[in-house]
Amino acid sequence: MRRQDPPPSVLTPELAQEIACDIGRITGFNVLITDRSAVVIGCGDRERLGTVHEASYDVLRTRKAATHTARQAREFTGVRPGMSLPIIVGAQAVGTVCLTGEPDEVRRFGLVVRRQTEILLTEAQLQRSRMLHDRAVDDHLRDIALYDPEAVDADTVEGRARELGLDPSVPRTAVLLDVPLGSGDAGTVSRMSLLRTVREVFPGGQDVAGELTAGRYLVLRAADGRRASLAARCEVLVELVGERHGLVARAALAEPGSGVAGMHASYQDAAATLRIGPVLDPGSRVFAAHDLRVPHLVASAVRHDRTRYADALLGELRSRPDWPDLRATLMAWPECGFHLVRTADRLQIHRNTLVHRLTRLTELSGQDIRHPKTAMALYLACLADLLTPGGASGMQ
């Protein structure tokens, strides 16, 4: 059987030095910390770093505290009068903590110092474990987002999901949160604090949330069939990010997907929705893929073809000073079911003003805007214009 190396100790030199200085400052004693080989890795006296503390050998072996008088200390190399105690984390002696001073004096503080050191190390170990878990979650989510069946086997991705305690057979819906780094006071907001907010809103045992890139978070929400409920959660999440962190966020939700390929498709839809939604509705903060299927289809066309299509149908309309009003009318008319009253309400204009605009559009375009087929063709041209970089608004 192949021999395995022991796991790395949580007692790193950086942490040992920090603990030694902090405890020394609080107690007034010189504090020394060794690793499991009795090598000094933390000490208020930096000249002792890297030396061997011989008295710690026996403390590590017996896992019992020992005191050293001035006479006893002279019998060892690198030892001063005081007390040495084993540091126990889990079932292992990972090092020792030593206090320099008269044995009778330091003995009163020894157990407290040892306990405080073990508490700090245990917390550091838990934090390291959480960081490793979070990193594994982030990697899994990137596996889903970047999934390519030609390059990665789906079984491998599902195996990693099981290691995280996730059931890969559960359908999941992709929710994408975008927090622009230039908004609010993003420089002072930690990744972990934002992620805690995300996980608070999506706390399900089979929900998984992590960071894809700086400022972009992905949630794979275990599907429950309630689209309205999921949209409401996204609204809550965006509000909490604003209230707690002072950041302007946007969220997009897609449709559920099963298996690795299905969840990848759900993620792709959410990503496209987060690109398209703010262009079409800059005032909104939450966007749903099922509401943007037609714009998504238009945006998926080759840019050159979109441009030619918009040029052919819109012609000189786009050069007119009142083009924004005309475009809004061209888009609201079919979206409101070619209903005069609903369209006028959407545009917040009088019904007679709408009739005038429709008549004017028919004259300017040379096409009967009241005919549904013509209206839909012009509607798609407006979408193509909006969703083409360099167009009237331009999709970023």
Protein backbone atom coordinates (compact mmCIF):
# COMPACT_ATOMS: atom_id res chain seq x y z
CA MET A 1 0.00 0.00 0.00
CA ARG A 2 1.29 3.46 -0.90
CA ARG A 3 2.37 5.48 2.14
CA GLN A 4 0.33 8.67 2.54
CA ASP A 5 1.86 11.88 3.82
CA PRO A 6 0.32 13.25 7.01
CA PRO A 7 -2.14 16.10 6.51
CA PRO A 8 -0.65 19.58 6.83
CA SER A 9 -0.87 21.04 10.34
CA VAL A 10 -3.24 23.91 10.95
CA LEU A 11 -0.49 25.39 13.15
CA THR A 12 1.29 27.42 10.50
CA PRO A 13 4.26 29.71 11.28
CA GLU A 14 2.15 32.76 10.40
CA LEU A 15 -0.65 31.76 12.78
CA ALA A 16 1.81 30.69 15.51
CA GLN A 17 3.58 34.05 15.37
CA GLU A 18 0.28 35.91 15.55
CA ILE A 19 -0.91 33.86 18.55
CA ALA A 20 2.42 34.17 20.38
CA CYS A 21 2.45 37.95 20.01
CA ASP A 22 -1.22 38.38 20.95
CA ILE A 23 -1.04 36.17 24.06
CA GLY A 24 2.30 37.70 25.08
CA ARG A 25 0.78 41.15 24.85
CA ILE A 26 -2.19 40.14 27.01
CA THR A 27 -0.29 38.19 29.71
CA GLY A 28 2.93 40.17 29.79
CA PHE A 29 4.98 36.95 29.44
CA ASN A 30 7.24 36.01 26.57
CA VAL A 31 5.30 33.28 24.71
CA LEU A 32 6.94 30.69 22.48
CA ILE A 33 5.18 28.20 20.19
CA THR A 34 6.78 25.17 18.55
CA ASP A 35 5.58 22.82 15.85
CA ARG A 36 5.27 19.04 16.28
CA SER A 37 9.04 18.72 15.78
CA ALA A 38 9.83 21.11 18.67
CA VAL A 39 11.04 23.82 16.25
CA VAL A 40 10.13 27.36 17.33
CA ILE A 41 7.68 28.85 14.81
CA GLY A 42 6.20 31.66 16.91
CA CYS A 43 7.84 33.86 19.51
CA GLY A 44 7.91 37.43 20.77
CA ASP A 45 11.71 37.16 20.56
CA ARG A 46 12.16 36.70 16.81
CA GLU A 47 15.78 35.60 17.21
CA ARG A 48 14.51 32.29 18.60
CA LEU A 49 12.45 31.50 15.48
CA GLY A 50 13.74 28.39 13.75
CA THR A 51 15.66 27.13 16.79
CA VAL A 52 14.90 23.90 18.63
CA HIS A 53 13.20 23.96 22.05
CA GLU A 54 14.55 20.70 23.51
CA ALA A 55 12.17 20.59 26.48
CA SER A 56 9.25 20.33 24.06
CA TYR A 57 10.38 16.89 22.86
CA ASP A 58 9.25 15.25 26.09
CA VAL A 59 6.10 17.39 26.30
CA LEU A 60 5.09 16.28 22.80
CA ARG A 61 5.89 12.65 23.57
CA THR A 62 4.02 12.48 26.88
CA ARG A 63 1.39 15.10 26.01
CA LYS A 64 1.84 16.44 29.55
CA ALA A 65 2.84 19.91 30.72
CA ALA A 66 6.28 20.45 32.26
CA THR A 67 7.93 23.27 34.21
CA HIS A 68 11.60 24.22 34.08
CA THR A 69 13.51 26.03 36.79
CA ALA A 70 16.58 28.07 35.88
CA ARG A 71 18.78 25.10 36.82
CA GLN A 72 16.71 22.63 34.77
CA ALA A 73 16.56 24.98 31.79
CA ARG A 74 20.37 25.05 31.60
CA GLU A 75 20.34 21.30 30.96
CA PHE A 76 18.49 21.86 27.65
CA THR A 77 19.32 23.71 24.48
CA GLY A 78 17.11 26.67 23.63
CA VAL A 79 15.13 26.51 26.90
CA ARG A 80 14.52 29.22 29.47
CA PRO A 81 12.83 29.01 32.89
CA GLY A 82 9.07 28.67 32.59
CA MET A 83 6.41 26.20 31.53
CA SER A 84 5.76 24.15 28.37
CA LEU A 85 2.36 22.69 27.51
CA PRO A 86 1.21 20.45 24.64
CA ILE A 87 -1.23 21.92 22.10
CA ILE A 88 -3.91 19.32 21.36
CA VAL A 89 -6.15 19.77 18.32
CA GLY A 90 -8.52 16.89 17.74
CA ALA A 91 -6.53 13.84 18.82
CA GLN A 92 -3.12 15.19 17.80
CA ALA A 93 -0.40 17.08 19.61
CA VAL A 94 0.40 19.65 16.96
CA GLY A 95 2.99 21.60 18.95
CA THR A 96 3.70 23.23 22.28
CA VAL A 97 3.11 26.62 23.87
CA CYS A 98 5.73 27.82 26.34
CA LEU A 99 5.73 30.73 28.78
CA THR A 100 8.99 32.23 30.02
CA GLY A 101 9.14 33.19 33.72
CA GLU A 102 9.29 31.79 37.24
CA PRO A 103 7.51 28.38 37.18
CA ASP A 104 5.29 29.20 40.15
CA GLU A 105 4.21 32.43 38.50
CA VAL A 106 3.57 31.17 34.95
CA ARG A 107 1.85 27.98 36.17
CA ARG A 108 -1.24 30.03 37.05
CA PHE A 109 -1.53 31.17 33.43
CA GLY A 110 -0.35 28.02 31.67
CA LEU A 111 -3.64 26.14 31.32
CA VAL A 112 -5.51 29.30 30.29
CA VAL A 113 -2.92 30.11 27.63
CA ARG A 114 -2.94 26.54 26.36
CA ARG A 115 -6.75 26.48 26.18
CA GLN A 116 -6.87 29.82 24.39
CA THR A 117 -4.26 28.61 21.91
CA GLU A 118 -6.23 25.42 21.21
CA ILE A 119 -9.45 27.41 20.73
CA LEU A 120 -7.75 29.71 18.23
CA LEU A 121 -6.27 26.75 16.35
CA THR A 122 -9.57 24.87 16.31
CA GLU A 123 -11.29 27.94 14.89
CA ALA A 124 -8.54 28.32 12.31
CA GLN A 125 -8.96 24.65 11.37
CA LEU A 126 -12.73 25.09 10.97
CA GLN A 127 -12.20 28.21 8.91
CA ARG A 128 -9.71 26.39 6.70
CA SER A 129 -12.18 23.54 6.30
CA ARG A 130 -14.92 25.99 5.34
CA MET A 131 -12.61 27.69 2.85
CA LEU A 132 -11.73 24.36 1.26
CA HIS A 133 -15.42 23.46 1.07
CA ASP A 134 -16.29 26.84 -0.45
CA ARG A 135 -13.51 26.42 -2.98
CA ALA A 136 -14.85 22.99 -3.92
CA VAL A 137 -18.34 24.48 -4.30
CA ASP A 138 -17.00 27.28 -6.52
CA ASP A 139 -15.13 24.74 -8.64
CA HIS A 140 -18.26 22.61 -9.01
CA LEU A 141 -20.33 25.60 -10.11
CA ARG A 142 -17.67 26.53 -12.65
CA ASP A 143 -17.78 22.93 -13.88
CA ILE A 144 -21.49 23.45 -14.55
CA ALA A 145 -21.10 26.92 -16.07
CA LEU A 146 -18.24 25.89 -18.38
CA TYR A 147 -19.44 22.35 -19.07
CA ASP A 148 -18.35 20.96 -22.43
CA PRO A 149 -19.38 17.34 -23.10
CA GLU A 150 -16.49 17.03 -25.56
CA ALA A 151 -13.96 17.85 -22.87
CA VAL A 152 -15.47 16.69 -19.56
CA ASP A 153 -17.41 13.58 -18.69
CA ALA A 154 -20.75 14.29 -17.00
CA ASP A 155 -20.20 11.40 -14.58
CA THR A 156 -17.07 13.12 -13.27
CA VAL A 157 -18.99 16.33 -12.56
CA GLU A 158 -21.79 14.36 -10.88
CA GLY A 159 -19.22 12.55 -8.74
CA ARG A 160 -17.89 15.87 -7.46
CA ALA A 161 -21.46 16.92 -6.67
CA ARG A 162 -21.96 13.81 -4.53
CA GLU A 163 -18.75 14.60 -2.63
CA LEU A 164 -20.40 17.91 -1.68
CA GLY A 165 -23.50 16.11 -0.44
CA LEU A 166 -25.58 17.03 -3.49
CA ASP A 167 -27.95 14.70 -5.32
CA PRO A 168 -27.12 15.17 -9.04
CA SER A 169 -30.50 13.71 -10.05
CA VAL A 170 -32.39 16.67 -8.52
CA PRO A 171 -33.42 19.25 -11.18
CA ARG A 172 -32.03 22.69 -10.40
CA THR A 173 -32.71 26.23 -11.57
CA ALA A 174 -29.85 28.61 -12.22
CA VAL A 175 -30.03 31.99 -10.49
CA LEU A 176 -27.29 34.44 -11.40
CA LEU A 177 -26.49 37.47 -9.24
CA ASP A 178 -24.39 40.29 -10.62
CA VAL A 179 -22.89 42.89 -8.26
CA PRO A 180 -20.90 45.39 -10.35
CA LEU A 181 -17.60 46.12 -8.65
CA GLY A 182 -17.91 49.81 -9.40
CA SER A 183 -21.21 50.19 -7.54
CA GLY A 184 -21.52 51.42 -3.99
CA ASP A 185 -18.61 50.70 -1.67
CA ALA A 186 -17.74 47.36 -3.28
CA GLY A 187 -14.09 47.64 -2.35
CA THR A 188 -14.86 47.17 1.35
CA VAL A 189 -17.44 44.40 1.00
CA SER A 190 -15.96 40.95 1.45
CA ARG A 191 -16.76 38.04 -0.79
CA MET A 192 -17.80 35.95 2.20
CA SER A 193 -20.26 38.50 3.55
CA LEU A 194 -22.00 38.69 0.18
CA LEU A 195 -22.02 34.92 -0.11
CA ARG A 196 -23.57 34.61 3.37
CA THR A 197 -26.41 36.86 2.22
CA VAL A 198 -26.93 34.74 -0.91
CA ARG A 199 -27.00 31.51 1.10
CA GLU A 200 -29.37 33.02 3.65
CA VAL A 201 -31.93 33.57 0.88
CA PHE A 202 -31.29 30.12 -0.62
CA PRO A 203 -30.76 27.89 2.44
CA GLY A 204 -32.10 24.59 1.09
CA GLY A 205 -30.02 21.50 1.73
CA GLN A 206 -29.90 20.76 -1.99
CA ASP A 207 -29.34 24.40 -3.00
CA VAL A 208 -25.74 25.28 -3.85
CA ALA A 209 -24.33 28.80 -4.11
CA GLY A 210 -20.87 30.13 -4.84
CA GLU A 211 -18.79 32.73 -6.65
CA LEU A 212 -18.03 32.29 -10.35
CA THR A 213 -15.95 35.42 -10.83
CA ALA A 214 -15.46 38.64 -8.86
CA GLY A 215 -18.90 40.13 -8.30
CA ARG A 216 -20.85 37.31 -9.97
CA TYR A 217 -22.56 34.58 -7.91
CA LEU A 218 -24.37 31.47 -9.11
CA VAL A 219 -27.09 29.61 -7.25
CA LEU A 220 -28.37 26.23 -8.39
CA ARG A 221 -31.74 26.13 -6.67
CA ALA A 222 -33.38 22.72 -6.17
CA ALA A 223 -36.48 23.04 -8.35
CA ASP A 224 -39.86 23.04 -6.61
CA GLY A 225 -42.00 24.10 -9.59
CA ARG A 226 -42.92 27.47 -8.08
CA ARG A 227 -41.57 30.09 -10.49
CA ALA A 228 -43.27 33.01 -8.72
CA SER A 229 -41.75 31.97 -5.41
CA LEU A 230 -38.27 31.87 -6.94
CA ALA A 231 -38.72 35.31 -8.50
CA ALA A 232 -39.80 36.65 -5.10
CA ARG A 233 -36.64 35.22 -3.50
CA CYS A 234 -34.55 36.98 -6.12
CA GLU A 235 -36.29 40.26 -5.31
CA VAL A 236 -35.51 39.72 -1.63
CA LEU A 237 -31.87 38.92 -2.42
CA VAL A 238 -31.39 42.08 -4.49
CA GLU A 239 -32.97 44.19 -1.74
CA LEU A 240 -30.78 42.62 0.96
CA VAL A 241 -27.61 43.24 -1.04
CA GLY A 242 -28.61 46.89 -1.25
CA GLU A 243 -29.61 47.23 2.41
CA ARG A 244 -26.72 45.28 3.98
CA HIS A 245 -23.86 45.96 1.62
CA GLY A 246 -24.85 49.21 -0.11
CA LEU A 247 -24.48 47.64 -3.55
CA VAL A 248 -26.68 47.73 -6.63
CA ALA A 249 -27.30 44.15 -7.77
CA ARG A 250 -29.22 42.45 -10.56
CA ALA A 251 -30.44 38.86 -10.66
CA ALA A 252 -31.62 36.54 -13.42
CA LEU A 253 -33.43 33.23 -13.11
CA ALA A 254 -33.82 30.57 -15.74
CA GLU A 255 -35.84 27.37 -16.14
CA PRO A 256 -34.99 24.13 -14.26
CA GLY A 257 -32.50 21.76 -15.80
CA SER A 258 -31.84 18.08 -15.08
CA GLY A 259 -28.39 16.55 -15.06
CA VAL A 260 -25.16 18.34 -15.83
CA ALA A 261 -26.17 19.29 -19.37
CA GLY A 262 -29.57 20.55 -18.22
CA MET A 263 -28.12 22.69 -15.43
CA HIS A 264 -25.51 24.05 -17.86
CA ALA A 265 -28.31 25.08 -20.23
CA SER A 266 -30.14 26.70 -17.31
CA TYR A 267 -26.99 28.65 -16.44
CA GLN A 268 -26.53 29.76 -20.05
CA ASP A 269 -30.11 31.04 -20.15
CA ALA A 270 -29.61 32.94 -16.89
CA ALA A 271 -26.39 34.49 -18.21
CA ALA A 272 -28.07 35.56 -21.46
CA THR A 273 -31.00 36.95 -19.47
CA LEU A 274 -28.65 39.00 -17.32
CA ARG A 275 -27.12 40.48 -20.48
CA ILE A 276 -30.39 41.18 -22.27
CA GLY A 277 -32.72 42.20 -19.44
CA PRO A 278 -30.97 45.43 -18.35
CA VAL A 279 -30.79 46.61 -21.97
CA LEU A 280 -34.53 46.23 -22.52
CA ASP A 281 -35.61 47.31 -19.03
CA PRO A 282 -32.87 49.35 -17.29
CA GLY A 283 -35.11 50.13 -14.32
CA SER A 284 -35.65 46.52 -13.27
CA ARG A 285 -33.39 44.46 -11.02
CA VAL A 286 -34.75 40.92 -11.49
CA PHE A 287 -35.20 39.23 -14.86
CA ALA A 288 -36.69 35.87 -15.81
CA ALA A 289 -35.56 33.88 -18.85
CA HIS A 290 -39.11 32.80 -19.74
CA ASP A 291 -40.06 36.49 -20.21
CA LEU A 292 -37.18 37.10 -22.63
CA ARG A 293 -37.29 34.11 -24.96
CA VAL A 294 -37.89 36.20 -28.09
CA PRO A 295 -35.15 38.77 -27.32
CA HIS A 296 -32.83 35.86 -26.47
CA LEU A 297 -33.56 34.31 -29.87
CA VAL A 298 -32.86 37.61 -31.63
CA ALA A 299 -29.64 38.14 -29.67
CA SER A 300 -28.44 34.66 -30.62
CA ALA A 301 -28.46 35.57 -34.33
CA VAL A 302 -25.19 36.56 -35.96
CA ARG A 303 -24.49 40.24 -35.42
CA HIS A 304 -24.15 40.95 -39.14
CA ASP A 305 -27.57 39.41 -39.81
CA ARG A 306 -29.17 41.38 -36.97
CA THR A 307 -27.74 44.61 -38.32
CA ARG A 308 -28.93 43.94 -41.88
CA TYR A 309 -32.39 43.01 -40.66
CA ALA A 310 -32.74 46.19 -38.55
CA ASP A 311 -31.41 48.37 -41.37
CA ALA A 312 -33.82 46.86 -43.90
CA LEU A 313 -36.97 47.33 -41.79
CA LEU A 314 -36.26 50.47 -39.79
CA GLY A 315 -34.44 52.44 -42.46
CA GLU A 316 -34.32 56.16 -41.70
CA LEU A 317 -36.62 55.92 -38.71
CA ARG A 318 -33.62 55.61 -36.40
CA SER A 319 -32.20 58.96 -37.50
CA ARG A 320 -35.29 60.90 -36.41
CA PRO A 321 -35.06 62.96 -33.20
CA ASP A 322 -38.24 61.31 -31.85
CA TRP A 323 -36.95 57.79 -32.55
CA PRO A 324 -36.96 56.74 -28.85
CA ASP A 325 -40.72 57.46 -28.68
CA LEU A 326 -41.36 55.76 -31.99
CA ARG A 327 -39.35 52.69 -30.97
CA ALA A 328 -41.15 52.46 -27.63
CA THR A 329 -44.45 52.51 -29.53
CA LEU A 330 -43.30 49.85 -32.02
CA MET A 331 -42.36 47.57 -29.12
CA ALA A 332 -45.33 48.23 -26.83
CA TRP A 333 -47.92 47.72 -29.58
CA PRO A 334 -47.38 43.95 -30.08
CA GLU A 335 -46.39 43.36 -26.44
CA CYS A 336 -49.80 44.68 -25.38
CA GLY A 337 -51.65 42.43 -27.83
CA PHE A 338 -52.36 45.23 -30.35
CA HIS A 339 -54.80 46.69 -27.83
CA LEU A 340 -55.10 50.48 -27.97
CA VAL A 341 -56.01 51.10 -24.33
CA ARG A 342 -53.37 48.72 -22.88
CA THR A 343 -50.68 50.12 -25.18
CA ALA A 344 -51.57 53.71 -24.29
CA ASP A 345 -51.44 52.83 -20.59
CA ARG A 346 -48.03 51.18 -21.04
CA LEU A 347 -46.67 54.28 -22.81
CA GLN A 348 -48.49 56.61 -20.40
CA ILE A 349 -50.03 58.60 -23.24
CA HIS A 350 -53.59 59.36 -24.31
CA ARG A 351 -55.35 56.91 -26.62
CA ASN A 352 -55.65 59.58 -29.33
CA THR A 353 -51.90 60.27 -29.10
CA LEU A 354 -51.26 56.56 -29.67
CA VAL A 355 -53.54 56.50 -32.72
CA HIS A 356 -51.64 59.49 -34.10
CA ARG A 357 -48.31 57.76 -33.54
CA LEU A 358 -49.44 54.55 -35.24
CA THR A 359 -50.67 56.52 -38.23
CA ARG A 360 -47.42 58.45 -38.37
CA LEU A 361 -45.34 55.25 -38.16
CA THR A 362 -47.31 53.79 -41.05
CA GLU A 363 -46.59 56.91 -43.12
CA LEU A 364 -42.88 57.09 -42.20
CA SER A 365 -42.14 53.41 -42.68
CA GLY A 366 -44.40 52.81 -45.64
CA GLN A 367 -45.76 49.73 -43.83
CA ASP A 368 -49.13 49.16 -42.19
CA ILE A 369 -48.20 49.11 -38.52
CA ARG A 370 -51.68 47.95 -37.54
CA HIS A 371 -51.21 44.67 -39.40
CA PRO A 372 -49.98 42.09 -36.83
CA LYS A 373 -47.47 40.47 -39.19
CA THR A 374 -45.92 43.85 -40.07
CA ALA A 375 -45.97 44.98 -36.46
CA MET A 376 -44.17 41.81 -35.34
CA ALA A 377 -41.52 42.21 -38.05
CA LEU A 378 -40.84 45.78 -36.91
CA TYR A 379 -40.86 44.67 -33.28
CA LEU A 380 -38.11 42.13 -34.00
CA ALA A 381 -36.16 44.82 -35.89
CA CYS A 382 -36.32 47.07 -32.81
CA LEU A 383 -35.03 44.22 -30.66
CA ALA A 384 -32.21 43.57 -33.13
CA ASP A 385 -31.29 47.24 -33.01
CA LEU A 386 -31.31 47.39 -29.23
CA LEU A 387 -29.37 44.16 -28.75
CA THR A 388 -26.58 44.94 -31.22
CA PRO A 389 -23.47 46.62 -29.81
CA GLY A 390 -23.18 50.07 -31.34
CA GLY A 391 -26.93 50.23 -31.95
CA ALA A 392 -29.30 52.68 -30.35
CA SER A 393 -28.53 51.39 -26.86
CA GLY A 394 -26.22 48.50 -27.47
CA MET A 395 -26.00 45.29 -25.48
CA GLN A 396 -22.81 45.15 -23.46
